[in-house]
Amino acid sequence: MNTKNLCELTDEELIIEKKNLKKSKIINAFLIGFLASIIAIGIVSSIYGKNYSVIIPLLFPVYFIYRIVSNSNKNKKLETILKERNI
């Protein structure tokens, strides 16, 4: 998003931000699914392989999922402004 205050944006600029928001939601959903599958495959392989040292590197995808989810919560302000203006 721009560094400008969202309330000061015109309708055209908000439409552009809405398109960017839609793209970022799709990309975030894909990344969360990809990282969750890495976690699932790692857990299954560590259980069947009896190698529990693999579980520690699986914390990285968990951290990245947390960051993606926390960044997506920041977009709620943009969504509320879009609803207020009926865009």
C-alpha atoms as a PDB file:
ATOM      1  CA  MET A   1       0.000   0.000   0.000  1.00  0.00           C
ATOM      2  CA  ASN A   2       1.002   3.577  -0.449  1.00  0.00           C
ATOM      3  CA  THR A   3       2.409   5.606   2.387  1.00  0.00           C
ATOM      4  CA  LYS A   4      -0.508   8.006   2.019  1.00  0.00           C
ATOM      5  CA  ASN A   5      -3.333   7.850   4.485  1.00  0.00           C
ATOM      6  CA  LEU A   6      -6.047   5.585   3.128  1.00  0.00           C
ATOM      7  CA  CYS A   7      -8.789   8.076   3.951  1.00  0.00           C
ATOM      8  CA  GLU A   8      -7.145  10.666   1.686  1.00  0.00           C
ATOM      9  CA  LEU A   9      -7.112   8.431  -1.404  1.00  0.00           C
ATOM     10  CA  THR A  10      -9.477   9.055  -4.275  1.00  0.00           C
ATOM     11  CA  ASP A  11     -11.881   6.418  -5.543  1.00  0.00           C
ATOM     12  CA  GLU A  12      -9.643   5.574  -8.500  1.00  0.00           C
ATOM     13  CA  GLU A  13      -6.651   5.052  -6.231  1.00  0.00           C
ATOM     14  CA  LEU A  14      -8.766   2.885  -3.938  1.00  0.00           C
ATOM     15  CA  ILE A  15      -9.806   0.736  -6.900  1.00  0.00           C
ATOM     16  CA  ILE A  16      -6.129   0.177  -7.729  1.00  0.00           C
ATOM     17  CA  GLU A  17      -5.444  -0.722  -4.095  1.00  0.00           C
ATOM     18  CA  LYS A  18      -8.404  -3.112  -4.189  1.00  0.00           C
ATOM     19  CA  LYS A  19      -6.902  -4.923  -7.189  1.00  0.00           C
ATOM     20  CA  ASN A  20      -3.551  -5.147  -5.418  1.00  0.00           C
ATOM     21  CA  LEU A  21      -5.288  -6.442  -2.309  1.00  0.00           C
ATOM     22  CA  LYS A  22      -7.016  -9.170  -4.308  1.00  0.00           C
ATOM     23  CA  LYS A  23      -3.725 -10.261  -5.882  1.00  0.00           C
ATOM     24  CA  SER A  24      -1.970 -10.310  -2.528  1.00  0.00           C
ATOM     25  CA  LYS A  25      -4.766 -12.403  -0.995  1.00  0.00           C
ATOM     26  CA  ILE A  26      -4.384 -15.023  -3.733  1.00  0.00           C
ATOM     27  CA  ILE A  27      -0.613 -15.102  -3.364  1.00  0.00           C
ATOM     28  CA  ASN A  28      -0.862 -15.312   0.434  1.00  0.00           C
ATOM     29  CA  ALA A  29      -3.324 -18.202   0.217  1.00  0.00           C
ATOM     30  CA  PHE A  30      -1.001 -20.058  -2.144  1.00  0.00           C
ATOM     31  CA  LEU A  31       2.022 -19.464   0.105  1.00  0.00           C
ATOM     32  CA  ILE A  32       0.184 -20.567   3.242  1.00  0.00           C
ATOM     33  CA  GLY A  33      -0.945 -23.762   1.510  1.00  0.00           C
ATOM     34  CA  PHE A  34       2.557 -24.436   0.198  1.00  0.00           C
ATOM     35  CA  LEU A  35       4.174 -23.878   3.596  1.00  0.00           C
ATOM     36  CA  ALA A  36       1.526 -25.964   5.359  1.00  0.00           C
ATOM     37  CA  SER A  37       2.208 -28.829   2.962  1.00  0.00           C
ATOM     38  CA  ILE A  38       5.928 -28.575   3.726  1.00  0.00           C
ATOM     39  CA  ILE A  39       5.117 -28.848   7.419  1.00  0.00           C
ATOM     40  CA  ALA A  40       2.797 -31.820   6.883  1.00  0.00           C
ATOM     41  CA  ILE A  41       5.299 -33.687   4.710  1.00  0.00           C
ATOM     42  CA  GLY A  42       8.091 -32.984   7.193  1.00  0.00           C
ATOM     43  CA  ILE A  43       6.080 -34.270  10.127  1.00  0.00           C
ATOM     44  CA  VAL A  44       5.013 -37.411   8.286  1.00  0.00           C
ATOM     45  CA  SER A  45       8.552 -38.124   7.122  1.00  0.00           C
ATOM     46  CA  SER A  46       9.948 -37.599  10.609  1.00  0.00           C
ATOM     47  CA  ILE A  47       7.406 -39.995  12.103  1.00  0.00           C
ATOM     48  CA  TYR A  48       7.990 -42.745   9.546  1.00  0.00           C
ATOM     49  CA  GLY A  49      11.732 -42.219   9.403  1.00  0.00           C
ATOM     50  CA  LYS A  50      12.120 -42.039  13.196  1.00  0.00           C
ATOM     51  CA  ASN A  51      14.270 -38.946  12.653  1.00  0.00           C
ATOM     52  CA  TYR A  52      12.931 -36.281  14.990  1.00  0.00           C
ATOM     53  CA  SER A  53      15.722 -33.790  14.279  1.00  0.00           C
ATOM     54  CA  VAL A  54      13.787 -32.808  11.123  1.00  0.00           C
ATOM     55  CA  ILE A  55      11.090 -31.146  13.216  1.00  0.00           C
ATOM     56  CA  ILE A  56      13.263 -28.182  14.281  1.00  0.00           C
ATOM     57  CA  PRO A  57      13.738 -26.787  10.726  1.00  0.00           C
ATOM     58  CA  LEU A  58       9.955 -26.984  10.316  1.00  0.00           C
ATOM     59  CA  LEU A  59       9.679 -23.982  12.611  1.00  0.00           C
ATOM     60  CA  PHE A  60      10.729 -21.726   9.724  1.00  0.00           C
ATOM     61  CA  PRO A  61       7.557 -22.367   7.687  1.00  0.00           C
ATOM     62  CA  VAL A  62       5.487 -21.876  10.854  1.00  0.00           C
ATOM     63  CA  TYR A  63       7.155 -18.489  11.370  1.00  0.00           C
ATOM     64  CA  PHE A  64       6.531 -17.465   7.753  1.00  0.00           C
ATOM     65  CA  ILE A  65       2.872 -18.488   7.998  1.00  0.00           C
ATOM     66  CA  TYR A  66       2.574 -16.363  11.136  1.00  0.00           C
ATOM     67  CA  ARG A  67       4.097 -13.361   9.327  1.00  0.00           C
ATOM     68  CA  ILE A  68       1.758 -13.748   6.350  1.00  0.00           C
ATOM     69  CA  VAL A  69      -1.308 -13.970   8.570  1.00  0.00           C
ATOM     70  CA  SER A  70      -0.277 -10.984  10.687  1.00  0.00           C
ATOM     71  CA  ASN A  71       0.358  -8.872   7.557  1.00  0.00           C
ATOM     72  CA  SER A  72      -3.017  -9.807   6.135  1.00  0.00           C
ATOM     73  CA  ASN A  73      -4.692  -8.429   9.261  1.00  0.00           C
ATOM     74  CA  LYS A  74      -3.334  -4.984   8.356  1.00  0.00           C
ATOM     75  CA  ASN A  75      -5.398  -5.008   5.167  1.00  0.00           C
ATOM     76  CA  LYS A  76      -8.639  -4.940   7.125  1.00  0.00           C
ATOM     77  CA  LYS A  77      -8.455  -1.145   7.353  1.00  0.00           C
ATOM     78  CA  LEU A  78      -8.441  -0.909   3.573  1.00  0.00           C
ATOM     79  CA  GLU A  79     -11.399  -3.283   3.366  1.00  0.00           C
ATOM     80  CA  THR A  80     -13.420  -1.195   5.817  1.00  0.00           C
ATOM     81  CA  ILE A  81     -12.757   1.982   3.833  1.00  0.00           C
ATOM     82  CA  LEU A  82     -13.810   0.205   0.632  1.00  0.00           C
ATOM     83  CA  LYS A  83     -17.055  -0.885   2.296  1.00  0.00           C
ATOM     84  CA  GLU A  84     -17.722   2.628   3.610  1.00  0.00           C
ATOM     85  CA  ARG A  85     -17.383   4.106   0.127  1.00  0.00           C
ATOM     86  CA  ASN A  86     -19.266   1.229  -1.539  1.00  0.00           C
ATOM     87  CA  ILE A  87     -16.442   0.425  -3.925  1.00  0.00           C
END
